[in-house]
Amino acid sequence: NAEYGKQWYQRRVRGAVLSITMWWLFDRTVSGLIVGVSSTLVFISVSQFFVYQGFASYKKPDFFFIRSWIPSLIFSAVITFGTIGRQLSAFRFTHSHED
């Protein structure tokens, strides 16, 4: 069905654009981008392994045997936790040097 293929493509592009926009707004570090992309790729690889081995399955897989929104969620979570971690580290560092 051509309409389904168009919707699938639009969802993938929308998810990728939103993920990159979130990285740009909240992180903007090359290391954050590299960690986010590599973590997402590792998750996809592990998920594919589990699906291939029969340990897991998705009801309606539409992107590498998983739901199309999961890679965007993983990437966004990595960026969010990285930003929170840097802020907590900076807060602790600045307050530990006050007398």
PDB file of N, CA and C in Angstrom:
ATOM      1  N   ASN A   1       0.845  -1.178   0.000  1.00  0.00           N
ATOM      2  CA  ASN A   1       0.000   0.000   0.000  1.00  0.00           C
ATOM      3  C   ASN A   1       0.896   1.248   0.000  1.00  0.00           C
ATOM      4  N   ALA A   2       0.722   2.086  -0.991  1.00  0.00           N
ATOM      5  CA  ALA A   2       1.564   3.278  -1.144  1.00  0.00           C
ATOM      6  C   ALA A   2       1.323   4.283  -0.021  1.00  0.00           C
ATOM      7  N   GLU A   3       0.086   4.382   0.436  1.00  0.00           N
ATOM      8  CA  GLU A   3      -0.227   5.338   1.509  1.00  0.00           C
ATOM      9  C   GLU A   3       0.459   4.950   2.814  1.00  0.00           C
ATOM     10  N   TYR A   4       0.502   3.654   3.118  1.00  0.00           N
ATOM     11  CA  TYR A   4       1.178   3.201   4.332  1.00  0.00           C
ATOM     12  C   TYR A   4       2.681   3.490   4.253  1.00  0.00           C
ATOM     13  N   GLY A   5       3.279   3.267   3.100  1.00  0.00           N
ATOM     14  CA  GLY A   5       4.704   3.551   2.923  1.00  0.00           C
ATOM     15  C   GLY A   5       5.010   5.024   3.115  1.00  0.00           C
ATOM     16  N   LYS A   6       4.127   5.872   2.642  1.00  0.00           N
ATOM     17  CA  LYS A   6       4.321   7.320   2.814  1.00  0.00           C
ATOM     18  C   LYS A   6       4.211   7.705   4.291  1.00  0.00           C
ATOM     19  N   GLN A   7       3.238   7.145   5.000  1.00  0.00           N
ATOM     20  CA  GLN A   7       3.087   7.438   6.426  1.00  0.00           C
ATOM     21  C   GLN A   7       4.285   6.939   7.211  1.00  0.00           C
ATOM     22  N   TRP A   8       4.791   5.753   6.883  1.00  0.00           N
ATOM     23  CA  TRP A   8       5.950   5.203   7.568  1.00  0.00           C
ATOM     24  C   TRP A   8       7.152   6.120   7.386  1.00  0.00           C
ATOM     25  N   TYR A   9       7.374   6.557   6.154  1.00  0.00           N
ATOM     26  CA  TYR A   9       8.497   7.444   5.855  1.00  0.00           C
ATOM     27  C   TYR A   9       8.357   8.765   6.610  1.00  0.00           C
ATOM     28  N   GLN A  10       7.147   9.324   6.636  1.00  0.00           N
ATOM     29  CA  GLN A  10       6.926  10.593   7.339  1.00  0.00           C
ATOM     30  C   GLN A  10       7.176  10.451   8.834  1.00  0.00           C
ATOM     31  N   ARG A  11       6.777   9.335   9.423  1.00  0.00           N
ATOM     32  CA  ARG A  11       7.040   9.111  10.852  1.00  0.00           C
ATOM     33  C   ARG A  11       8.528   9.015  11.140  1.00  0.00           C
ATOM     34  N   ARG A  12       9.267   8.328  10.303  1.00  0.00           N
ATOM     35  CA  ARG A  12      10.711   8.189  10.500  1.00  0.00           C
ATOM     36  C   ARG A  12      11.398   9.546  10.390  1.00  0.00           C
ATOM     37  N   VAL A  13      11.034  10.311   9.382  1.00  0.00           N
ATOM     38  CA  VAL A  13      11.645  11.632   9.196  1.00  0.00           C
ATOM     39  C   VAL A  13      11.276  12.544  10.354  1.00  0.00           C
ATOM     40  N   ARG A  14      10.019  12.521  10.767  1.00  0.00           N
ATOM     41  CA  ARG A  14       9.577  13.352  11.888  1.00  0.00           C
ATOM     42  C   ARG A  14      10.326  12.982  13.172  1.00  0.00           C
ATOM     43  N   GLY A  15      10.471  11.700  13.448  1.00  0.00           N
ATOM     44  CA  GLY A  15      11.195  11.260  14.635  1.00  0.00           C
ATOM     45  C   GLY A  15      12.653  11.678  14.601  1.00  0.00           C
ATOM     46  N   ALA A  16      13.287  11.554  13.440  1.00  0.00           N
ATOM     47  CA  ALA A  16      14.693  11.950  13.321  1.00  0.00           C
ATOM     48  C   ALA A  16      14.851  13.458  13.492  1.00  0.00           C
ATOM     49  N   VAL A  17      13.971  14.231  12.889  1.00  0.00           N
ATOM     50  CA  VAL A  17      14.047  15.694  13.002  1.00  0.00           C
ATOM     51  C   VAL A  17      13.809  16.131  14.441  1.00  0.00           C
ATOM     52  N   LEU A  18      12.835  15.553  15.107  1.00  0.00           N
ATOM     53  CA  LEU A  18      12.578  15.903  16.508  1.00  0.00           C
ATOM     54  C   LEU A  18      13.745  15.524  17.412  1.00  0.00           C
ATOM     55  N   SER A  19      14.362  14.386  17.151  1.00  0.00           N
ATOM     56  CA  SER A  19      15.507  13.970  17.959  1.00  0.00           C
ATOM     57  C   SER A  19      16.684  14.920  17.782  1.00  0.00           C
ATOM     58  N   ILE A  20      17.001  15.265  16.550  1.00  0.00           N
ATOM     59  CA  ILE A  20      18.109  16.189  16.291  1.00  0.00           C
ATOM     60  C   ILE A  20      17.785  17.573  16.846  1.00  0.00           C
ATOM     61  N   THR A  21      16.531  17.992  16.740  1.00  0.00           N
ATOM     62  CA  THR A  21      16.138  19.287  17.306  1.00  0.00           C
ATOM     63  C   THR A  21      16.298  19.284  18.819  1.00  0.00           C
ATOM     64  N   MET A  22      15.913  18.187  19.457  1.00  0.00           N
ATOM     65  CA  MET A  22      16.078  18.103  20.910  1.00  0.00           C
ATOM     66  C   MET A  22      17.557  18.171  21.282  1.00  0.00           C
ATOM     67  N   TRP A  23      18.391  17.464  20.520  1.00  0.00           N
ATOM     68  CA  TRP A  23      19.832  17.526  20.782  1.00  0.00           C
ATOM     69  C   TRP A  23      20.327  18.964  20.617  1.00  0.00           C
ATOM     70  N   TRP A  24      19.902  19.640  19.562  1.00  0.00           N
ATOM     71  CA  TRP A  24      20.352  21.012  19.299  1.00  0.00           C
ATOM     72  C   TRP A  24      19.893  21.971  20.399  1.00  0.00           C
ATOM     73  N   LEU A  25      18.681  21.818  20.871  1.00  0.00           N
ATOM     74  CA  LEU A  25      18.156  22.733  21.883  1.00  0.00           C
ATOM     75  C   LEU A  25      18.761  22.508  23.265  1.00  0.00           C
ATOM     76  N   PHE A  26      18.997  21.257  23.640  1.00  0.00           N
ATOM     77  CA  PHE A  26      19.385  20.959  25.012  1.00  0.00           C
ATOM     78  C   PHE A  26      20.842  20.558  25.198  1.00  0.00           C
ATOM     79  N   ASP A  27      21.531  20.144  24.166  1.00  0.00           N
ATOM     80  CA  ASP A  27      22.874  19.610  24.364  1.00  0.00           C
ATOM     81  C   ASP A  27      23.919  20.350  23.526  1.00  0.00           C
ATOM     82  N   ARG A  28      23.859  20.201  22.241  1.00  0.00           N
ATOM     83  CA  ARG A  28      24.779  20.826  21.274  1.00  0.00           C
ATOM     84  C   ARG A  28      26.232  20.409  21.419  1.00  0.00           C
ATOM     85  N   THR A  29      26.508  19.300  22.064  1.00  0.00           N
ATOM     86  CA  THR A  29      27.880  18.827  22.132  1.00  0.00           C
ATOM     87  C   THR A  29      28.058  17.661  21.171  1.00  0.00           C
ATOM     88  N   VAL A  30      29.227  17.587  20.578  1.00  0.00           N
ATOM     89  CA  VAL A  30      29.511  16.486  19.666  1.00  0.00           C
ATOM     90  C   VAL A  30      29.514  15.167  20.429  1.00  0.00           C
ATOM     91  N   SER A  31      30.054  15.189  21.645  1.00  0.00           N
ATOM     92  CA  SER A  31      30.074  13.955  22.433  1.00  0.00           C
ATOM     93  C   SER A  31      28.652  13.485  22.757  1.00  0.00           C
ATOM     94  N   GLY A  32      27.744  14.422  23.037  1.00  0.00           N
ATOM     95  CA  GLY A  32      26.351  14.055  23.290  1.00  0.00           C
ATOM     96  C   GLY A  32      25.706  13.417  22.072  1.00  0.00           C
ATOM     97  N   LEU A  33      25.989  13.967  20.902  1.00  0.00           N
ATOM     98  CA  LEU A  33      25.448  13.416  19.661  1.00  0.00           C
ATOM     99  C   LEU A  33      26.010  12.022  19.407  1.00  0.00           C
ATOM    100  N   ILE A  34      27.312  11.853  19.603  1.00  0.00           N
ATOM    101  CA  ILE A  34      27.942  10.552  19.362  1.00  0.00           C
ATOM    102  C   ILE A  34      27.412   9.507  20.344  1.00  0.00           C
ATOM    103  N   VAL A  35      27.313   9.861  21.615  1.00  0.00           N
ATOM    104  CA  VAL A  35      26.793   8.916  22.615  1.00  0.00           C
ATOM    105  C   VAL A  35      25.331   8.589  22.321  1.00  0.00           C
ATOM    106  N   GLY A  36      24.533   9.595  21.943  1.00  0.00           N
ATOM    107  CA  GLY A  36      23.127   9.351  21.639  1.00  0.00           C
ATOM    108  C   GLY A  36      22.942   8.422  20.451  1.00  0.00           C
ATOM    109  N   VAL A  37      23.675   8.683  19.374  1.00  0.00           N
ATOM    110  CA  VAL A  37      23.555   7.839  18.177  1.00  0.00           C
ATOM    111  C   VAL A  37      24.087   6.439  18.450  1.00  0.00           C
ATOM    112  N   SER A  38      25.238   6.335  19.119  1.00  0.00           N
ATOM    113  CA  SER A  38      25.797   5.006  19.374  1.00  0.00           C
ATOM    114  C   SER A  38      24.916   4.206  20.339  1.00  0.00           C
ATOM    115  N   SER A  39      24.354   4.856  21.351  1.00  0.00           N
ATOM    116  CA  SER A  39      23.451   4.149  22.271  1.00  0.00           C
ATOM    117  C   SER A  39      22.207   3.657  21.542  1.00  0.00           C
ATOM    118  N   THR A  40      21.690   4.469  20.649  1.00  0.00           N
ATOM    119  CA  THR A  40      20.513   4.069  19.871  1.00  0.00           C
ATOM    120  C   THR A  40      20.845   2.882  18.974  1.00  0.00           C
ATOM    121  N   LEU A  41      22.006   2.922  18.330  1.00  0.00           N
ATOM    122  CA  LEU A  41      22.396   1.811  17.465  1.00  0.00           C
ATOM    123  C   LEU A  41      22.620   0.530  18.260  1.00  0.00           C
ATOM    124  N   VAL A  42      23.206   0.644  19.443  1.00  0.00           N
ATOM    125  CA  VAL A  42      23.397  -0.538  20.295  1.00  0.00           C
ATOM    126  C   VAL A  42      22.037  -1.105  20.705  1.00  0.00           C
ATOM    127  N   PHE A  43      21.104  -0.222  21.093  1.00  0.00           N
ATOM    128  CA  PHE A  43      19.778  -0.696  21.477  1.00  0.00           C
ATOM    129  C   PHE A  43      19.094  -1.407  20.317  1.00  0.00           C
ATOM    130  N   ILE A  44      19.169  -0.837  19.117  1.00  0.00           N
ATOM    131  CA  ILE A  44      18.546  -1.472  17.957  1.00  0.00           C
ATOM    132  C   ILE A  44      19.176  -2.830  17.695  1.00  0.00           C
ATOM    133  N   SER A  45      20.501  -2.922  17.806  1.00  0.00           N
ATOM    134  CA  SER A  45      21.189  -4.194  17.577  1.00  0.00           C
ATOM    135  C   SER A  45      20.779  -5.243  18.596  1.00  0.00           C
ATOM    136  N   VAL A  46      20.747  -4.875  19.862  1.00  0.00           N
ATOM    137  CA  VAL A  46      20.350  -5.819  20.911  1.00  0.00           C
ATOM    138  C   VAL A  46      18.892  -6.228  20.739  1.00  0.00           C
ATOM    139  N   SER A  47      18.047  -5.264  20.401  1.00  0.00           N
ATOM    140  CA  SER A  47      16.633  -5.569  20.186  1.00  0.00           C
ATOM    141  C   SER A  47      16.455  -6.520  19.009  1.00  0.00           C
ATOM    142  N   GLN A  48      17.181  -6.272  17.921  1.00  0.00           N
ATOM    143  CA  GLN A  48      17.092  -7.170  16.770  1.00  0.00           C
ATOM    144  C   GLN A  48      17.566  -8.576  17.135  1.00  0.00           C
ATOM    145  N   PHE A  49      18.614  -8.672  17.921  1.00  0.00           N
ATOM    146  CA  PHE A  49      19.106  -9.977  18.351  1.00  0.00           C
ATOM    147  C   PHE A  49      18.027 -10.720  19.134  1.00  0.00           C
ATOM    148  N   PHE A  50      17.384 -10.025  20.080  1.00  0.00           N
ATOM    149  CA  PHE A  50      16.341 -10.668  20.880  1.00  0.00           C
ATOM    150  C   PHE A  50      15.148 -11.086  20.028  1.00  0.00           C
ATOM    151  N   VAL A  51      14.770 -10.258  19.068  1.00  0.00           N
ATOM    152  CA  VAL A  51      13.657 -10.617  18.187  1.00  0.00           C
ATOM    153  C   VAL A  51      14.058 -11.801  17.317  1.00  0.00           C
ATOM    154  N   TYR A  52      15.265 -11.782  16.776  1.00  0.00           N
ATOM    155  CA  TYR A  52      15.739 -12.877  15.916  1.00  0.00           C
ATOM    156  C   TYR A  52      15.822 -14.195  16.681  1.00  0.00           C
ATOM    157  N   GLN A  53      16.223 -14.136  17.940  1.00  0.00           N
ATOM    158  CA  GLN A  53      16.333 -15.347  18.748  1.00  0.00           C
ATOM    159  C   GLN A  53      14.982 -15.820  19.293  1.00  0.00           C
ATOM    160  N   GLY A  54      13.947 -14.993  19.142  1.00  0.00           N
ATOM    161  CA  GLY A  54      12.618 -15.376  19.606  1.00  0.00           C
ATOM    162  C   GLY A  54      12.345 -15.002  21.049  1.00  0.00           C
ATOM    163  N   PHE A  55      13.236 -14.250  21.683  1.00  0.00           N
ATOM    164  CA  PHE A  55      13.033 -13.833  23.067  1.00  0.00           C
ATOM    165  C   PHE A  55      12.048 -12.673  23.193  1.00  0.00           C
ATOM    166  N   ALA A  56      11.881 -11.902  22.123  1.00  0.00           N
ATOM    167  CA  ALA A  56      10.989 -10.741  22.154  1.00  0.00           C
ATOM    168  C   ALA A  56      10.334 -10.589  20.792  1.00  0.00           C
ATOM    169  N   SER A  57       9.233  -9.862  20.785  1.00  0.00           N
ATOM    170  CA  SER A  57       8.572  -9.537  19.526  1.00  0.00           C
ATOM    171  C   SER A  57       7.742  -8.272  19.725  1.00  0.00           C
ATOM    172  N   TYR A  58       7.449  -7.626  18.641  1.00  0.00           N
ATOM    173  CA  TYR A  58       6.614  -6.428  18.667  1.00  0.00           C
ATOM    174  C   TYR A  58       5.360  -6.713  17.867  1.00  0.00           C
ATOM    175  N   LYS A  59       4.235  -6.182  18.321  1.00  0.00           N
ATOM    176  CA  LYS A  59       2.969  -6.466  17.652  1.00  0.00           C
ATOM    177  C   LYS A  59       2.949  -5.943  16.222  1.00  0.00           C
ATOM    178  N   LYS A  60       3.413  -4.708  16.036  1.00  0.00           N
ATOM    179  CA  LYS A  60       3.414  -4.111  14.703  1.00  0.00           C
ATOM    180  C   LYS A  60       4.783  -3.487  14.418  1.00  0.00           C
ATOM    181  N   PRO A  61       5.802  -4.303  14.176  1.00  0.00           N
ATOM    182  CA  PRO A  61       7.113  -3.724  13.894  1.00  0.00           C
ATOM    183  C   PRO A  61       7.092  -3.009  12.542  1.00  0.00           C
ATOM    184  N   ASP A  62       7.752  -1.861  12.473  1.00  0.00           N
ATOM    185  CA  ASP A  62       7.776  -1.143  11.206  1.00  0.00           C
ATOM    186  C   ASP A  62       9.144  -0.550  10.886  1.00  0.00           C
ATOM    187  N   PHE A  63      10.139  -0.836  11.716  1.00  0.00           N
ATOM    188  CA  PHE A  63      11.475  -0.294  11.470  1.00  0.00           C
ATOM    189  C   PHE A  63      12.483  -1.233  12.113  1.00  0.00           C
ATOM    190  N   PHE A  64      13.218  -1.988  11.319  1.00  0.00           N
ATOM    191  CA  PHE A  64      14.200  -2.942  11.833  1.00  0.00           C
ATOM    192  C   PHE A  64      13.605  -3.852  12.899  1.00  0.00           C
ATOM    193  N   PHE A  65      12.430  -4.377  12.668  1.00  0.00           N
ATOM    194  CA  PHE A  65      11.739  -5.309  13.565  1.00  0.00           C
ATOM    195  C   PHE A  65      11.282  -4.678  14.876  1.00  0.00           C
ATOM    196  N   ILE A  66      11.322  -3.360  15.000  1.00  0.00           N
ATOM    197  CA  ILE A  66      10.848  -2.680  16.209  1.00  0.00           C
ATOM    198  C   ILE A  66       9.908  -1.562  15.799  1.00  0.00           C
ATOM    199  N   ARG A  67       9.245  -0.969  16.764  1.00  0.00           N
ATOM    200  CA  ARG A  67       8.372   0.170  16.489  1.00  0.00           C
ATOM    201  C   ARG A  67       9.225   1.374  16.130  1.00  0.00           C
ATOM    202  N   SER A  68       8.745   2.193  15.235  1.00  0.00           N
ATOM    203  CA  SER A  68       9.560   3.289  14.696  1.00  0.00           C
ATOM    204  C   SER A  68       9.843   4.389  15.711  1.00  0.00           C
ATOM    205  N   TRP A  69       9.073   4.499  16.770  1.00  0.00           N
ATOM    206  CA  TRP A  69       9.295   5.574  17.731  1.00  0.00           C
ATOM    207  C   TRP A  69      10.344   5.216  18.779  1.00  0.00           C
ATOM    208  N   ILE A  70      10.707   3.954  18.896  1.00  0.00           N
ATOM    209  CA  ILE A  70      11.632   3.533  19.945  1.00  0.00           C
ATOM    210  C   ILE A  70      13.033   4.134  19.777  1.00  0.00           C
ATOM    211  N   PRO A  71      13.637   4.150  18.572  1.00  0.00           N
ATOM    212  CA  PRO A  71      14.959   4.784  18.463  1.00  0.00           C
ATOM    213  C   PRO A  71      14.954   6.265  18.852  1.00  0.00           C
ATOM    214  N   SER A  72      13.902   6.987  18.504  1.00  0.00           N
ATOM    215  CA  SER A  72      13.804   8.401  18.894  1.00  0.00           C
ATOM    216  C   SER A  72      13.698   8.542  20.405  1.00  0.00           C
ATOM    217  N   LEU A  73      12.963   7.644  21.034  1.00  0.00           N
ATOM    218  CA  LEU A  73      12.830   7.669  22.487  1.00  0.00           C
ATOM    219  C   LEU A  73      14.172   7.400  23.166  1.00  0.00           C
ATOM    220  N   ILE A  74      14.908   6.408  22.692  1.00  0.00           N
ATOM    221  CA  ILE A  74      16.207   6.081  23.276  1.00  0.00           C
ATOM    222  C   ILE A  74      17.167   7.250  23.104  1.00  0.00           C
ATOM    223  N   PHE A  75      17.232   7.810  21.907  1.00  0.00           N
ATOM    224  CA  PHE A  75      18.121   8.943  21.651  1.00  0.00           C
ATOM    225  C   PHE A  75      17.766  10.113  22.567  1.00  0.00           C
ATOM    226  N   SER A  76      16.494  10.429  22.672  1.00  0.00           N
ATOM    227  CA  SER A  76      16.059  11.545  23.517  1.00  0.00           C
ATOM    228  C   SER A  76      16.370  11.289  24.991  1.00  0.00           C
ATOM    229  N   ALA A  77      16.208  10.057  25.437  1.00  0.00           N
ATOM    230  CA  ALA A  77      16.520   9.726  26.829  1.00  0.00           C
ATOM    231  C   ALA A  77      18.009   9.900  27.112  1.00  0.00           C
ATOM    232  N   VAL A  78      18.853   9.475  26.185  1.00  0.00           N
ATOM    233  CA  VAL A  78      20.293   9.628  26.368  1.00  0.00           C
ATOM    234  C   VAL A  78      20.668  11.100  26.451  1.00  0.00           C
ATOM    235  N   ILE A  79      20.112  11.918  25.572  1.00  0.00           N
ATOM    236  CA  ILE A  79      20.393  13.357  25.587  1.00  0.00           C
ATOM    237  C   ILE A  79      19.894  13.980  26.886  1.00  0.00           C
ATOM    238  N   THR A  80      18.698  13.604  27.313  1.00  0.00           N
ATOM    239  CA  THR A  80      18.126  14.160  28.539  1.00  0.00           C
ATOM    240  C   THR A  80      18.974  13.810  29.762  1.00  0.00           C
ATOM    241  N   PHE A  81      19.311  12.536  29.921  1.00  0.00           N
ATOM    242  CA  PHE A  81      20.090  12.131  31.085  1.00  0.00           C
ATOM    243  C   PHE A  81      21.512  12.678  31.037  1.00  0.00           C
ATOM    244  N   GLY A  82      22.080  12.810  29.846  1.00  0.00           N
ATOM    245  CA  GLY A  82      23.403  13.421  29.733  1.00  0.00           C
ATOM    246  C   GLY A  82      23.394  14.878  30.148  1.00  0.00           C
ATOM    247  N   THR A  83      22.370  15.603  29.732  1.00  0.00           N
ATOM    248  CA  THR A  83      22.250  17.013  30.107  1.00  0.00           C
ATOM    249  C   THR A  83      22.024  17.159  31.609  1.00  0.00           C
ATOM    250  N   ILE A  84      21.156  16.335  32.169  1.00  0.00           N
ATOM    251  CA  ILE A  84      20.915  16.379  33.613  1.00  0.00           C
ATOM    252  C   ILE A  84      22.195  16.048  34.376  1.00  0.00           C
ATOM    253  N   GLY A  85      22.920  15.043  33.928  1.00  0.00           N
ATOM    254  CA  GLY A  85      24.165  14.666  34.588  1.00  0.00           C
ATOM    255  C   GLY A  85      25.201  15.776  34.552  1.00  0.00           C
ATOM    256  N   ARG A  86      25.341  16.446  33.413  1.00  0.00           N
ATOM    257  CA  ARG A  86      26.284  17.564  33.329  1.00  0.00           C
ATOM    258  C   ARG A  86      25.874  18.711  34.234  1.00  0.00           C
ATOM    259  N   GLN A  87      24.582  18.998  34.301  1.00  0.00           N
ATOM    260  CA  GLN A  87      24.113  20.077  35.167  1.00  0.00           C
ATOM    261  C   GLN A  87      24.339  19.747  36.640  1.00  0.00           C
ATOM    262  N   LEU A  88      24.071  18.514  37.032  1.00  0.00           N
ATOM    263  CA  LEU A  88      24.315  18.113  38.419  1.00  0.00           C
ATOM    264  C   LEU A  88      25.801  18.150  38.757  1.00  0.00           C
ATOM    265  N   SER A  89      26.625  17.727  37.817  1.00  0.00           N
ATOM    266  CA  SER A  89      28.063  17.753  38.036  1.00  0.00           C
ATOM    267  C   SER A  89      28.568  19.187  38.167  1.00  0.00           C
ATOM    268  N   ALA A  90      28.086  20.076  37.316  1.00  0.00           N
ATOM    269  CA  ALA A  90      28.498  21.482  37.385  1.00  0.00           C
ATOM    270  C   ALA A  90      28.011  22.115  38.685  1.00  0.00           C
ATOM    271  N   PHE A  91      26.811  21.790  39.109  1.00  0.00           N
ATOM    272  CA  PHE A  91      26.265  22.324  40.357  1.00  0.00           C
ATOM    273  C   PHE A  91      27.098  21.855  41.541  1.00  0.00           C
ATOM    274  N   ARG A  92      27.421  20.578  41.563  1.00  0.00           N
ATOM    275  CA  ARG A  92      28.212  20.027  42.657  1.00  0.00           C
ATOM    276  C   ARG A  92      29.619  20.622  42.666  1.00  0.00           C
ATOM    277  N   PHE A  93      30.203  20.795  41.470  1.00  0.00           N
ATOM    278  CA  PHE A  93      31.553  21.341  41.378  1.00  0.00           C
ATOM    279  C   PHE A  93      31.591  22.791  41.856  1.00  0.00           C
ATOM    280  N   THR A  94      30.606  23.615  41.469  1.00  0.00           N
ATOM    281  CA  THR A  94      30.626  25.012  41.860  1.00  0.00           C
ATOM    282  C   THR A  94      30.343  25.179  43.349  1.00  0.00           C
ATOM    283  N   HIS A  95      29.491  24.340  43.914  1.00  0.00           N
ATOM    284  CA  HIS A  95      29.155  24.466  45.329  1.00  0.00           C
ATOM    285  C   HIS A  95      30.176  23.796  46.247  1.00  0.00           C
ATOM    286  N   SER A  96      31.023  22.926  45.720  1.00  0.00           N
ATOM    287  CA  SER A  96      32.013  22.282  46.577  1.00  0.00           C
ATOM    288  C   SER A  96      33.226  23.176  46.799  1.00  0.00           C
ATOM    289  N   HIS A  97      33.380  24.233  45.972  1.00  0.00           N
ATOM    290  CA  HIS A  97      34.517  25.133  46.126  1.00  0.00           C
ATOM    291  C   HIS A  97      34.183  26.408  46.869  1.00  0.00           C
ATOM    292  N   GLU A  98      32.973  26.521  47.372  1.00  0.00           N
ATOM    293  CA  GLU A  98      32.594  27.709  48.132  1.00  0.00           C
ATOM    294  C   GLU A  98      33.003  27.527  49.588  1.00  0.00           C
ATOM    295  N   ASP A  99      33.505  28.582  50.194  1.00  0.00           N
ATOM    296  CA  ASP A  99      33.909  28.496  51.623  1.00  0.00           C
ATOM    297  C   ASP A  99      32.926  29.154  52.522  1.00  0.00           C
TER     298      ASP A  99
END
